[in-house]
């Protein structure tokens, strides 16, 4: 039987908004941009997340070669990556794509990006782990907002660069914003808020950057 996954801070006085991956409305997304609620997933969504992660773990344990899980990307799709390099592969994917320019998004737009990414994870298709998603949720719930530059998306392939910047901060790298101090280093803000940086496992970097969360947040 699956253990319940509690992501909303127990001490929070803010109401909890539950994401299920399917029913989020534009007006709700805009409302969540103000930091006046904390997020969690519905029990059904947590179950989907866990089941999808089990598929990825089984692929790795069997030694099955699957693109983006234990291969390189793009022109390096035919290159198989050793198990002990899978974490490094995903981290380097994030670092290499965090190449945007310009001023940072507002806290409101950044929160919307995080909500949209969490809502995609809640669908149970990405292979994100429960542990990684919990840390993602805790960062949102404590308003630890990574530095995401306004320029860099190529649109057709998704918001790869902006989402990479979003992920980079959650890895404890780059800059991060918090209401109490403004901009500082991600490592410092996460530490001051009692949070651990995300440690990526197989496929999780890819899961974090495939999508159109920036364009959707701007359009909302």
N, C-alpha and C. Protein backbone atom coordinates (compact mmCIF):
# COMPACT_ATOMS: atom_id res chain seq x y z
N UNK A 1 0.84 -1.19 0.00
CA UNK A 1 0.00 0.00 0.00
C UNK A 1 0.88 1.24 0.00
N UNK A 2 0.53 2.21 -0.81
CA UNK A 2 1.34 3.42 -0.96
C UNK A 2 1.24 4.30 0.27
N UNK A 3 2.41 4.79 0.70
CA UNK A 3 2.44 5.74 1.81
C UNK A 3 1.89 7.08 1.33
N UNK A 4 1.17 7.81 2.20
CA UNK A 4 0.72 9.15 1.81
C UNK A 4 1.92 10.09 1.71
N UNK A 5 1.89 10.98 0.76
CA UNK A 5 2.99 11.93 0.55
C UNK A 5 2.51 13.32 0.92
N UNK A 6 3.05 13.85 2.00
CA UNK A 6 2.65 15.17 2.48
C UNK A 6 3.69 16.17 2.00
N UNK A 7 3.28 17.08 1.14
CA UNK A 7 4.21 18.06 0.59
C UNK A 7 3.99 19.45 1.17
N UNK A 8 2.77 19.78 1.54
CA UNK A 8 2.50 21.11 2.09
C UNK A 8 3.10 21.21 3.49
N UNK A 9 3.80 22.31 3.80
CA UNK A 9 4.38 22.47 5.14
C UNK A 9 3.32 22.36 6.22
N UNK A 10 3.59 21.55 7.23
CA UNK A 10 2.59 21.34 8.28
C UNK A 10 2.32 22.61 9.08
N UNK A 11 3.29 23.52 9.13
CA UNK A 11 3.13 24.73 9.93
C UNK A 11 2.49 25.87 9.13
N UNK A 12 2.24 25.65 7.85
CA UNK A 12 1.70 26.73 7.03
C UNK A 12 0.27 27.06 7.42
N UNK A 13 -0.02 28.36 7.49
CA UNK A 13 -1.38 28.82 7.77
C UNK A 13 -2.14 29.09 6.47
N UNK A 14 -1.47 28.91 5.34
CA UNK A 14 -2.11 29.16 4.05
C UNK A 14 -2.96 27.95 3.64
N UNK A 15 -4.04 28.19 2.92
CA UNK A 15 -4.86 27.07 2.43
C UNK A 15 -4.10 26.25 1.40
N UNK A 16 -4.43 24.98 1.32
CA UNK A 16 -3.77 24.07 0.38
C UNK A 16 -4.58 23.98 -0.90
N UNK A 17 -3.88 24.08 -2.03
CA UNK A 17 -4.50 23.88 -3.33
C UNK A 17 -3.97 22.56 -3.89
N UNK A 18 -4.88 21.68 -4.28
CA UNK A 18 -4.49 20.35 -4.75
C UNK A 18 -4.49 20.29 -6.27
N UNK A 19 -3.37 19.84 -6.82
CA UNK A 19 -3.24 19.67 -8.27
C UNK A 19 -3.42 18.20 -8.63
N UNK A 20 -4.18 17.97 -9.71
CA UNK A 20 -4.39 16.59 -10.15
C UNK A 20 -3.88 16.35 -11.57
N UNK A 21 -3.32 17.39 -12.20
CA UNK A 21 -2.78 17.25 -13.54
C UNK A 21 -3.78 17.45 -14.65
N UNK A 22 -5.06 17.68 -14.32
CA UNK A 22 -6.09 17.72 -15.35
C UNK A 22 -7.05 18.91 -15.25
N UNK A 23 -7.30 19.40 -14.05
CA UNK A 23 -8.43 20.31 -13.88
C UNK A 23 -8.04 21.76 -13.58
N UNK A 24 -6.75 22.10 -13.61
CA UNK A 24 -6.32 23.46 -13.31
C UNK A 24 -6.88 24.45 -14.33
N UNK A 25 -7.49 25.52 -13.85
CA UNK A 25 -8.08 26.54 -14.72
C UNK A 25 -7.17 27.77 -14.79
N UNK A 26 -7.23 28.53 -15.89
CA UNK A 26 -6.40 29.74 -16.01
C UNK A 26 -6.56 30.70 -14.84
N UNK A 27 -7.78 30.90 -14.39
CA UNK A 27 -8.01 31.83 -13.27
C UNK A 27 -7.35 31.31 -11.99
N UNK A 28 -7.35 29.99 -11.80
CA UNK A 28 -6.70 29.40 -10.62
C UNK A 28 -5.18 29.56 -10.72
N UNK A 29 -4.65 29.38 -11.93
CA UNK A 29 -3.22 29.57 -12.15
C UNK A 29 -2.79 30.98 -11.78
N UNK A 30 -3.53 31.97 -12.24
CA UNK A 30 -3.21 33.37 -11.93
C UNK A 30 -3.31 33.62 -10.43
N UNK A 31 -4.31 33.06 -9.80
CA UNK A 31 -4.48 33.24 -8.35
C UNK A 31 -3.29 32.65 -7.59
N UNK A 32 -2.79 31.52 -8.04
CA UNK A 32 -1.66 30.87 -7.36
C UNK A 32 -0.36 31.64 -7.54
N UNK A 33 -0.33 32.58 -8.47
CA UNK A 33 0.90 33.34 -8.72
C UNK A 33 1.23 34.29 -7.58
N UNK A 34 0.29 34.55 -6.70
CA UNK A 34 0.49 35.55 -5.65
C UNK A 34 1.08 34.98 -4.36
N UNK A 35 1.29 33.68 -4.32
CA UNK A 35 1.90 33.07 -3.15
C UNK A 35 0.99 33.01 -1.94
N UNK A 36 -0.32 32.98 -2.18
CA UNK A 36 -1.26 32.97 -1.06
C UNK A 36 -1.84 31.58 -0.78
N UNK A 37 -1.27 30.56 -1.41
CA UNK A 37 -1.66 29.18 -1.14
C UNK A 37 -0.42 28.29 -1.24
N UNK A 38 -0.49 27.15 -0.59
CA UNK A 38 0.53 26.13 -0.76
C UNK A 38 -0.03 25.01 -1.62
N UNK A 39 0.85 24.29 -2.26
CA UNK A 39 0.44 23.24 -3.19
C UNK A 39 0.67 21.85 -2.63
N UNK A 40 -0.17 20.94 -3.05
CA UNK A 40 0.03 19.51 -2.86
C UNK A 40 -0.62 18.81 -4.04
N UNK A 41 -0.40 17.53 -4.18
CA UNK A 41 -1.06 16.72 -5.19
C UNK A 41 -2.19 15.94 -4.55
N UNK A 42 -3.17 15.58 -5.35
CA UNK A 42 -4.21 14.68 -4.86
C UNK A 42 -3.60 13.29 -4.65
N UNK A 43 -4.20 12.46 -3.81
CA UNK A 43 -3.67 11.10 -3.61
C UNK A 43 -3.56 10.32 -4.92
N UNK A 44 -4.53 10.49 -5.80
CA UNK A 44 -4.50 9.78 -7.07
C UNK A 44 -3.31 10.22 -7.92
N UNK A 45 -3.01 11.52 -7.88
CA UNK A 45 -1.87 12.03 -8.64
C UNK A 45 -0.55 11.49 -8.09
N UNK A 46 -0.43 11.46 -6.75
CA UNK A 46 0.78 10.89 -6.15
C UNK A 46 0.97 9.44 -6.58
N UNK A 47 -0.11 8.70 -6.66
CA UNK A 47 -0.01 7.30 -7.07
C UNK A 47 0.49 7.20 -8.51
N UNK A 48 -0.02 8.06 -9.39
CA UNK A 48 0.43 8.05 -10.78
C UNK A 48 1.92 8.39 -10.88
N UNK A 49 2.35 9.37 -10.10
CA UNK A 49 3.76 9.76 -10.09
C UNK A 49 4.63 8.57 -9.68
N UNK A 50 4.23 7.90 -8.62
CA UNK A 50 5.01 6.76 -8.12
C UNK A 50 5.05 5.61 -9.13
N UNK A 51 3.93 5.34 -9.75
CA UNK A 51 3.87 4.25 -10.73
C UNK A 51 4.74 4.55 -11.95
N UNK A 52 4.74 5.80 -12.41
CA UNK A 52 5.56 6.17 -13.56
C UNK A 52 7.04 6.09 -13.23
N UNK A 53 7.39 6.48 -12.01
CA UNK A 53 8.80 6.40 -11.62
C UNK A 53 9.26 4.94 -11.56
N UNK A 54 8.38 4.06 -11.13
CA UNK A 54 8.73 2.65 -11.07
C UNK A 54 9.12 2.12 -12.45
N UNK A 55 8.45 2.61 -13.48
CA UNK A 55 8.77 2.20 -14.85
C UNK A 55 10.20 2.60 -15.20
N UNK A 56 10.59 3.84 -14.86
CA UNK A 56 11.95 4.29 -15.15
C UNK A 56 12.97 3.47 -14.38
N UNK A 57 12.70 3.24 -13.11
CA UNK A 57 13.64 2.46 -12.29
C UNK A 57 13.81 1.05 -12.83
N UNK A 58 12.73 0.46 -13.33
CA UNK A 58 12.80 -0.88 -13.90
C UNK A 58 13.63 -0.89 -15.19
N UNK A 59 13.47 0.15 -16.01
CA UNK A 59 14.27 0.26 -17.23
C UNK A 59 15.76 0.28 -16.90
N UNK A 60 16.12 1.08 -15.90
CA UNK A 60 17.53 1.20 -15.51
C UNK A 60 18.03 -0.12 -14.92
N UNK A 61 17.24 -0.74 -14.07
CA UNK A 61 17.68 -1.98 -13.42
C UNK A 61 17.85 -3.13 -14.41
N UNK A 62 17.03 -3.14 -15.48
CA UNK A 62 17.14 -4.19 -16.50
C UNK A 62 18.27 -3.91 -17.49
N UNK A 63 18.80 -2.70 -17.48
CA UNK A 63 19.82 -2.34 -18.44
C UNK A 63 19.26 -2.08 -19.82
N UNK A 64 17.96 -1.83 -19.90
CA UNK A 64 17.33 -1.53 -21.18
C UNK A 64 17.74 -0.14 -21.64
N UNK A 65 18.07 0.01 -22.93
CA UNK A 65 18.51 1.30 -23.46
C UNK A 65 17.29 2.09 -23.94
N UNK A 66 17.07 3.24 -23.32
CA UNK A 66 15.93 4.10 -23.66
C UNK A 66 16.42 5.54 -23.78
N UNK A 67 16.01 6.20 -24.86
CA UNK A 67 16.45 7.57 -25.12
C UNK A 67 16.10 8.49 -23.95
N UNK A 68 17.07 9.29 -23.53
CA UNK A 68 16.86 10.27 -22.48
C UNK A 68 16.96 9.71 -21.08
N UNK A 69 16.92 8.38 -20.97
CA UNK A 69 17.07 7.74 -19.66
C UNK A 69 18.52 7.34 -19.45
N UNK A 70 19.06 6.59 -20.38
CA UNK A 70 20.46 6.17 -20.27
C UNK A 70 21.19 6.30 -21.61
N UNK A 71 20.77 7.29 -22.41
CA UNK A 71 21.50 7.65 -23.63
C UNK A 71 21.80 9.14 -23.62
N UNK A 72 22.63 9.56 -24.56
CA UNK A 72 22.83 10.98 -24.77
C UNK A 72 21.62 11.59 -25.45
N UNK A 73 21.72 12.88 -25.77
CA UNK A 73 20.58 13.60 -26.36
C UNK A 73 20.94 14.09 -27.76
N UNK A 74 19.90 14.25 -28.61
CA UNK A 74 20.12 14.79 -29.94
C UNK A 74 21.04 13.90 -30.76
N UNK A 75 22.15 14.48 -31.25
CA UNK A 75 23.10 13.73 -32.06
C UNK A 75 23.80 12.61 -31.30
N UNK A 76 23.68 12.65 -29.98
CA UNK A 76 24.33 11.62 -29.15
C UNK A 76 23.33 10.57 -28.66
N UNK A 77 22.21 10.46 -29.36
CA UNK A 77 21.17 9.52 -28.95
C UNK A 77 21.64 8.08 -28.99
N UNK A 78 22.64 7.79 -29.81
CA UNK A 78 23.13 6.42 -29.92
C UNK A 78 24.21 6.09 -28.90
N UNK A 79 24.58 7.06 -28.08
CA UNK A 79 25.61 6.85 -27.06
C UNK A 79 24.95 6.39 -25.76
N UNK A 80 25.33 5.21 -25.31
CA UNK A 80 24.78 4.68 -24.06
C UNK A 80 25.59 5.20 -22.88
N UNK A 81 24.89 5.61 -21.84
CA UNK A 81 25.52 6.20 -20.65
C UNK A 81 25.54 5.17 -19.52
N UNK A 82 26.67 5.04 -18.86
CA UNK A 82 26.81 4.09 -17.75
C UNK A 82 25.93 4.52 -16.57
N UNK A 83 25.51 3.54 -15.79
CA UNK A 83 24.61 3.81 -14.66
C UNK A 83 25.19 4.84 -13.70
N UNK A 84 26.51 4.77 -13.47
CA UNK A 84 27.10 5.69 -12.49
C UNK A 84 27.26 7.11 -13.03
N UNK A 85 26.86 7.33 -14.30
CA UNK A 85 26.93 8.66 -14.89
C UNK A 85 25.55 9.26 -15.17
N UNK A 86 24.49 8.54 -14.80
CA UNK A 86 23.14 9.00 -15.14
C UNK A 86 22.78 10.30 -14.42
N UNK A 87 23.17 10.44 -13.16
CA UNK A 87 22.88 11.67 -12.43
C UNK A 87 23.63 12.84 -13.06
N UNK A 88 24.89 12.63 -13.38
CA UNK A 88 25.70 13.68 -14.00
C UNK A 88 25.12 14.07 -15.36
N UNK A 89 24.64 13.10 -16.12
CA UNK A 89 24.03 13.37 -17.43
C UNK A 89 22.86 14.33 -17.29
N UNK A 90 21.99 14.06 -16.33
CA UNK A 90 20.81 14.90 -16.15
C UNK A 90 21.18 16.29 -15.65
N UNK A 91 22.13 16.38 -14.74
CA UNK A 91 22.56 17.68 -14.24
C UNK A 91 23.20 18.51 -15.35
N UNK A 92 24.01 17.87 -16.19
CA UNK A 92 24.66 18.59 -17.28
C UNK A 92 23.65 19.03 -18.34
N UNK A 93 22.59 18.27 -18.51
CA UNK A 93 21.51 18.70 -19.41
C UNK A 93 20.92 20.02 -18.94
N UNK A 94 20.69 20.12 -17.64
CA UNK A 94 20.15 21.36 -17.07
C UNK A 94 21.14 22.51 -17.25
N UNK A 95 22.39 22.28 -16.90
CA UNK A 95 23.39 23.35 -16.98
C UNK A 95 23.60 23.82 -18.42
N UNK A 96 23.63 22.89 -19.34
CA UNK A 96 23.90 23.26 -20.73
C UNK A 96 22.76 24.05 -21.36
N UNK A 97 21.54 23.84 -20.88
CA UNK A 97 20.38 24.54 -21.46
C UNK A 97 20.03 25.82 -20.70
N UNK A 98 20.65 26.06 -19.56
CA UNK A 98 20.39 27.28 -18.80
C UNK A 98 21.20 28.42 -19.41
N UNK A 99 20.75 28.88 -20.56
CA UNK A 99 21.53 29.84 -21.36
C UNK A 99 20.68 31.03 -21.80
N UNK A 100 19.68 31.38 -21.00
CA UNK A 100 18.82 32.50 -21.34
C UNK A 100 19.47 33.85 -21.07
N UNK A 101 18.80 34.90 -21.50
CA UNK A 101 19.30 36.26 -21.35
C UNK A 101 18.19 37.19 -20.87
N UNK A 102 18.61 38.35 -20.40
CA UNK A 102 17.64 39.39 -20.07
C UNK A 102 17.30 39.46 -18.59
N UNK A 103 16.33 40.31 -18.30
CA UNK A 103 15.88 40.49 -16.93
C UNK A 103 15.14 39.24 -16.46
N UNK A 104 15.10 39.02 -15.14
CA UNK A 104 14.36 37.86 -14.63
C UNK A 104 12.86 38.07 -14.71
N UNK A 105 12.15 36.97 -14.81
CA UNK A 105 10.69 37.03 -14.72
C UNK A 105 10.29 37.54 -13.35
N UNK A 106 9.10 38.08 -13.25
CA UNK A 106 8.57 38.51 -11.97
C UNK A 106 8.31 37.29 -11.09
N UNK A 107 8.24 37.48 -9.76
CA UNK A 107 7.89 36.35 -8.89
C UNK A 107 6.57 35.70 -9.29
N UNK A 108 5.61 36.51 -9.73
CA UNK A 108 4.30 35.97 -10.11
C UNK A 108 4.42 35.03 -11.31
N UNK A 109 5.15 35.44 -12.33
CA UNK A 109 5.32 34.60 -13.52
C UNK A 109 6.12 33.34 -13.18
N UNK A 110 7.10 33.49 -12.31
CA UNK A 110 7.90 32.32 -11.93
C UNK A 110 7.06 31.32 -11.16
N UNK A 111 6.23 31.83 -10.25
CA UNK A 111 5.33 30.91 -9.54
C UNK A 111 4.42 30.17 -10.51
N UNK A 112 3.91 30.88 -11.52
CA UNK A 112 3.03 30.22 -12.48
C UNK A 112 3.78 29.13 -13.25
N UNK A 113 5.02 29.40 -13.60
CA UNK A 113 5.82 28.37 -14.25
C UNK A 113 5.95 27.13 -13.39
N UNK A 114 6.19 27.34 -12.10
CA UNK A 114 6.36 26.21 -11.19
C UNK A 114 5.05 25.44 -11.03
N UNK A 115 3.95 26.17 -10.92
CA UNK A 115 2.64 25.50 -10.82
C UNK A 115 2.38 24.64 -12.05
N UNK A 116 2.64 25.20 -13.22
CA UNK A 116 2.40 24.46 -14.46
C UNK A 116 3.29 23.22 -14.56
N UNK A 117 4.53 23.35 -14.13
CA UNK A 117 5.42 22.19 -14.20
C UNK A 117 4.98 21.11 -13.22
N UNK A 118 4.58 21.51 -12.02
CA UNK A 118 4.09 20.55 -11.02
C UNK A 118 2.82 19.88 -11.52
N UNK A 119 1.97 20.67 -12.18
CA UNK A 119 0.72 20.11 -12.70
C UNK A 119 0.99 19.06 -13.78
N UNK A 120 2.02 19.29 -14.60
CA UNK A 120 2.41 18.28 -15.60
C UNK A 120 2.94 17.03 -14.90
N UNK A 121 3.76 17.21 -13.87
CA UNK A 121 4.26 16.05 -13.12
C UNK A 121 3.10 15.24 -12.55
N UNK A 122 2.05 15.93 -12.14
CA UNK A 122 0.90 15.26 -11.51
C UNK A 122 0.17 14.33 -12.46
N UNK A 123 0.37 14.51 -13.77
CA UNK A 123 -0.26 13.62 -14.74
C UNK A 123 0.29 12.20 -14.65
N UNK A 124 1.53 12.07 -14.16
CA UNK A 124 2.11 10.75 -14.02
C UNK A 124 2.72 10.19 -15.29
N UNK A 125 3.19 11.07 -16.18
CA UNK A 125 3.80 10.61 -17.43
C UNK A 125 5.30 10.89 -17.50
N UNK A 126 5.82 11.73 -16.62
CA UNK A 126 7.19 12.25 -16.79
C UNK A 126 8.26 11.34 -16.22
N UNK A 127 7.92 10.51 -15.24
CA UNK A 127 8.92 9.67 -14.59
C UNK A 127 9.67 10.36 -13.47
N UNK A 128 9.20 11.53 -13.05
CA UNK A 128 9.82 12.23 -11.92
C UNK A 128 9.63 11.39 -10.67
N UNK A 129 10.59 11.44 -9.77
CA UNK A 129 10.47 10.66 -8.53
C UNK A 129 9.66 11.43 -7.49
N UNK A 130 9.08 10.70 -6.55
CA UNK A 130 8.34 11.32 -5.46
C UNK A 130 9.24 12.27 -4.67
N UNK A 131 10.46 11.85 -4.39
CA UNK A 131 11.38 12.68 -3.61
C UNK A 131 11.69 14.00 -4.30
N UNK A 132 11.96 13.94 -5.61
CA UNK A 132 12.25 15.16 -6.35
C UNK A 132 11.04 16.07 -6.40
N UNK A 133 9.88 15.51 -6.64
CA UNK A 133 8.66 16.32 -6.70
C UNK A 133 8.34 16.94 -5.34
N UNK A 134 8.57 16.21 -4.27
CA UNK A 134 8.37 16.79 -2.94
C UNK A 134 9.24 18.02 -2.74
N UNK A 135 10.50 17.95 -3.14
CA UNK A 135 11.41 19.09 -2.98
C UNK A 135 10.99 20.25 -3.87
N UNK A 136 10.49 19.94 -5.05
CA UNK A 136 9.97 20.97 -5.95
C UNK A 136 8.79 21.69 -5.29
N UNK A 137 7.89 20.93 -4.71
CA UNK A 137 6.73 21.49 -4.03
C UNK A 137 7.13 22.33 -2.83
N UNK A 138 8.07 21.83 -2.04
CA UNK A 138 8.51 22.58 -0.86
C UNK A 138 9.11 23.92 -1.26
N UNK A 139 9.86 23.95 -2.36
CA UNK A 139 10.44 25.21 -2.83
C UNK A 139 9.33 26.20 -3.20
N UNK A 140 8.32 25.73 -3.91
CA UNK A 140 7.20 26.62 -4.25
C UNK A 140 6.50 27.09 -2.98
N UNK A 141 6.23 26.17 -2.08
CA UNK A 141 5.46 26.51 -0.89
C UNK A 141 6.17 27.48 0.03
N UNK A 142 7.50 27.55 -0.07
CA UNK A 142 8.26 28.51 0.73
C UNK A 142 8.74 29.70 -0.10
N UNK A 143 8.16 29.87 -1.28
CA UNK A 143 8.48 31.00 -2.17
C UNK A 143 9.97 31.10 -2.46
N UNK A 144 10.61 29.97 -2.70
CA UNK A 144 12.00 29.93 -3.16
C UNK A 144 11.96 29.88 -4.69
N UNK A 145 12.13 31.02 -5.33
CA UNK A 145 11.85 31.16 -6.75
C UNK A 145 13.15 31.36 -7.55
N UNK A 146 13.53 30.40 -8.39
CA UNK A 146 14.76 30.52 -9.16
C UNK A 146 14.74 31.68 -10.14
N UNK A 147 15.94 32.12 -10.51
CA UNK A 147 16.11 33.19 -11.49
C UNK A 147 15.86 32.62 -12.87
N UNK A 148 14.83 33.14 -13.56
CA UNK A 148 14.49 32.69 -14.91
C UNK A 148 14.51 33.91 -15.82
N UNK A 149 15.44 33.99 -16.78
CA UNK A 149 15.50 35.15 -17.67
C UNK A 149 14.34 35.17 -18.66
N UNK A 150 13.99 36.36 -19.08
CA UNK A 150 12.84 36.53 -19.97
C UNK A 150 13.09 35.99 -21.38
N UNK A 151 14.33 36.00 -21.82
CA UNK A 151 14.64 35.63 -23.20
C UNK A 151 15.36 34.28 -23.25
N UNK A 152 15.03 33.49 -24.28
CA UNK A 152 15.76 32.24 -24.46
C UNK A 152 14.95 31.09 -24.99
N UNK A 153 13.62 31.17 -24.89
CA UNK A 153 12.83 30.05 -25.39
C UNK A 153 12.83 30.04 -26.92
N UNK A 154 12.81 28.82 -27.48
CA UNK A 154 12.71 28.69 -28.93
C UNK A 154 11.30 28.31 -29.35
N UNK A 155 10.41 28.18 -28.39
CA UNK A 155 9.00 27.98 -28.70
C UNK A 155 8.66 26.60 -29.18
N UNK A 156 9.06 26.27 -30.40
CA UNK A 156 8.60 25.04 -31.04
C UNK A 156 9.04 23.79 -30.28
N UNK A 157 10.21 23.82 -29.68
CA UNK A 157 10.70 22.67 -28.93
C UNK A 157 10.36 22.76 -27.44
N UNK A 158 9.58 23.75 -27.08
CA UNK A 158 9.28 23.95 -25.67
C UNK A 158 10.18 25.03 -25.08
N UNK A 159 9.89 25.36 -23.84
CA UNK A 159 10.65 26.41 -23.14
C UNK A 159 11.88 25.79 -22.47
N UNK A 160 12.77 25.23 -23.27
CA UNK A 160 13.90 24.48 -22.72
C UNK A 160 14.80 25.34 -21.84
N UNK A 161 15.22 26.50 -22.35
CA UNK A 161 16.13 27.35 -21.57
C UNK A 161 15.48 27.90 -20.30
N UNK A 162 14.29 28.49 -20.37
CA UNK A 162 13.66 28.98 -19.14
C UNK A 162 13.42 27.87 -18.11
N UNK A 163 12.96 26.71 -18.57
CA UNK A 163 12.73 25.62 -17.63
C UNK A 163 14.03 25.07 -17.06
N UNK A 164 15.11 25.15 -17.85
CA UNK A 164 16.41 24.75 -17.32
C UNK A 164 16.86 25.69 -16.21
N UNK A 165 16.63 27.00 -16.39
CA UNK A 165 16.96 27.95 -15.31
C UNK A 165 16.12 27.67 -14.07
N UNK A 166 14.87 27.35 -14.27
CA UNK A 166 13.99 27.02 -13.14
C UNK A 166 14.54 25.82 -12.38
N UNK A 167 14.95 24.80 -13.13
CA UNK A 167 15.50 23.60 -12.50
C UNK A 167 16.84 23.87 -11.84
N UNK A 168 17.65 24.72 -12.48
CA UNK A 168 19.00 24.98 -11.97
C UNK A 168 18.95 25.53 -10.55
N UNK A 169 18.04 26.47 -10.30
CA UNK A 169 17.93 27.01 -8.95
C UNK A 169 17.54 25.94 -7.94
N UNK A 170 16.68 25.03 -8.34
CA UNK A 170 16.24 23.97 -7.43
C UNK A 170 17.35 22.96 -7.17
N UNK A 171 18.36 22.94 -8.08
CA UNK A 171 19.55 22.12 -7.84
C UNK A 171 20.52 22.80 -6.88
N UNK A 172 20.20 24.04 -6.50
CA UNK A 172 21.07 24.79 -5.61
C UNK A 172 22.14 25.57 -6.33
N UNK A 173 21.94 25.82 -7.64
CA UNK A 173 22.90 26.57 -8.44
C UNK A 173 22.24 27.82 -8.99
N UNK A 174 23.06 28.81 -9.28
CA UNK A 174 22.52 30.06 -9.82
C UNK A 174 21.89 30.92 -8.74
N UNK A 175 20.97 31.79 -9.17
CA UNK A 175 20.35 32.76 -8.25
C UNK A 175 18.92 32.36 -7.94
N UNK A 176 18.44 32.90 -6.83
CA UNK A 176 17.08 32.59 -6.37
C UNK A 176 16.53 33.79 -5.62
N UNK A 177 15.21 33.95 -5.68
CA UNK A 177 14.53 35.06 -5.00
C UNK A 177 13.68 34.51 -3.86
N UNK A 178 13.67 35.28 -2.75
CA UNK A 178 12.78 34.96 -1.64
C UNK A 178 12.24 36.26 -1.08
N UNK A 179 10.97 36.28 -0.65
CA UNK A 179 10.38 37.54 -0.17
C UNK A 179 11.15 38.21 0.95
N UNK A 180 11.86 37.43 1.76
CA UNK A 180 12.53 38.00 2.93
C UNK A 180 13.84 38.70 2.59
N UNK A 181 14.48 38.31 1.48
CA UNK A 181 15.81 38.85 1.18
C UNK A 181 15.95 39.35 -0.25
N UNK A 182 14.99 39.08 -1.12
CA UNK A 182 15.15 39.41 -2.52
C UNK A 182 16.05 38.39 -3.20
N UNK A 183 16.96 38.87 -4.07
CA UNK A 183 17.83 37.96 -4.80
C UNK A 183 19.07 37.59 -4.00
N UNK A 184 19.42 36.31 -4.05
CA UNK A 184 20.64 35.81 -3.44
C UNK A 184 21.04 34.54 -4.19
N UNK A 185 21.98 33.80 -3.66
CA UNK A 185 22.32 32.53 -4.31
C UNK A 185 21.27 31.48 -3.95
N UNK A 186 21.03 30.57 -4.88
CA UNK A 186 20.05 29.52 -4.64
C UNK A 186 20.46 28.66 -3.45
N UNK A 187 21.74 28.37 -3.37
CA UNK A 187 22.22 27.52 -2.27
C UNK A 187 21.93 28.16 -0.92
N UNK A 188 22.16 29.48 -0.82
CA UNK A 188 21.94 30.17 0.45
C UNK A 188 20.47 30.22 0.83
N UNK A 189 19.61 30.55 -0.13
CA UNK A 189 18.19 30.67 0.17
C UNK A 189 17.59 29.31 0.54
N UNK A 190 17.93 28.28 -0.20
CA UNK A 190 17.42 26.95 0.13
C UNK A 190 17.85 26.55 1.54
N UNK A 191 19.11 26.81 1.86
CA UNK A 191 19.62 26.46 3.18
C UNK A 191 18.90 27.25 4.28
N UNK A 192 18.70 28.54 4.06
CA UNK A 192 18.04 29.37 5.06
C UNK A 192 16.58 28.95 5.28
N UNK A 193 15.97 28.38 4.25
CA UNK A 193 14.58 27.93 4.36
C UNK A 193 14.48 26.46 4.79
N UNK A 194 15.62 25.86 5.11
CA UNK A 194 15.62 24.48 5.59
C UNK A 194 15.33 23.46 4.50
N UNK A 195 15.65 23.80 3.26
CA UNK A 195 15.37 22.91 2.14
C UNK A 195 16.65 22.31 1.57
N UNK A 196 16.52 21.11 1.01
CA UNK A 196 17.63 20.43 0.36
C UNK A 196 17.56 20.64 -1.15
N UNK A 197 18.70 20.88 -1.82
CA UNK A 197 18.67 20.94 -3.29
C UNK A 197 18.23 19.60 -3.88
N UNK A 198 17.63 19.66 -5.03
CA UNK A 198 17.22 18.45 -5.73
C UNK A 198 18.46 17.73 -6.26
N UNK A 199 18.47 16.41 -6.13
CA UNK A 199 19.49 15.56 -6.73
C UNK A 199 18.81 14.72 -7.79
N UNK A 200 19.18 14.93 -9.03
CA UNK A 200 18.48 14.30 -10.14
C UNK A 200 18.92 12.85 -10.33
N UNK A 201 17.95 12.01 -10.63
CA UNK A 201 18.23 10.63 -11.03
C UNK A 201 17.83 10.47 -12.49
N UNK A 202 17.87 9.26 -12.99
CA UNK A 202 17.66 8.99 -14.42
C UNK A 202 16.38 9.65 -14.93
N UNK A 203 16.50 10.36 -16.03
CA UNK A 203 15.43 11.01 -16.81
C UNK A 203 14.87 12.29 -16.17
N UNK A 204 15.20 12.58 -14.93
CA UNK A 204 14.53 13.68 -14.24
C UNK A 204 14.88 15.06 -14.82
N UNK A 205 16.10 15.24 -15.31
CA UNK A 205 16.44 16.51 -15.93
C UNK A 205 15.61 16.75 -17.18
N UNK A 206 15.46 15.71 -17.98
CA UNK A 206 14.64 15.80 -19.18
C UNK A 206 13.19 16.11 -18.83
N UNK A 207 12.69 15.49 -17.76
CA UNK A 207 11.32 15.73 -17.32
C UNK A 207 11.10 17.18 -16.91
N UNK A 208 12.15 17.81 -16.40
CA UNK A 208 12.01 19.17 -15.90
C UNK A 208 12.00 20.24 -16.98
N UNK A 209 12.54 19.94 -18.16
CA UNK A 209 12.69 21.01 -19.15
C UNK A 209 11.83 20.83 -20.40
N UNK A 210 11.14 19.72 -20.54
CA UNK A 210 10.27 19.53 -21.70
C UNK A 210 8.88 20.07 -21.39
N UNK A 211 8.49 21.15 -22.06
CA UNK A 211 7.18 21.71 -21.82
C UNK A 211 7.12 23.17 -22.21
N UNK A 212 5.96 23.77 -22.02
CA UNK A 212 5.74 25.15 -22.45
C UNK A 212 5.23 26.01 -21.28
N UNK A 213 5.83 25.81 -20.12
CA UNK A 213 5.36 26.52 -18.93
C UNK A 213 5.58 28.03 -19.01
N UNK A 214 6.67 28.47 -19.64
CA UNK A 214 6.88 29.91 -19.76
C UNK A 214 5.82 30.55 -20.65
N UNK A 215 5.63 30.00 -21.83
CA UNK A 215 4.65 30.58 -22.75
C UNK A 215 3.25 30.57 -22.14
N UNK A 216 2.93 29.51 -21.42
CA UNK A 216 1.60 29.41 -20.81
C UNK A 216 1.46 30.43 -19.69
N UNK A 217 2.51 30.61 -18.88
CA UNK A 217 2.42 31.58 -17.79
C UNK A 217 2.28 33.01 -18.32
N UNK A 218 2.98 33.30 -19.42
CA UNK A 218 2.85 34.64 -20.01
C UNK A 218 1.48 34.83 -20.65
N UNK A 219 0.94 33.78 -21.22
CA UNK A 219 -0.37 33.87 -21.86
C UNK A 219 -1.52 33.94 -20.89
N UNK A 220 -1.28 33.45 -19.66
CA UNK A 220 -2.35 33.44 -18.66
C UNK A 220 -2.69 34.85 -18.20
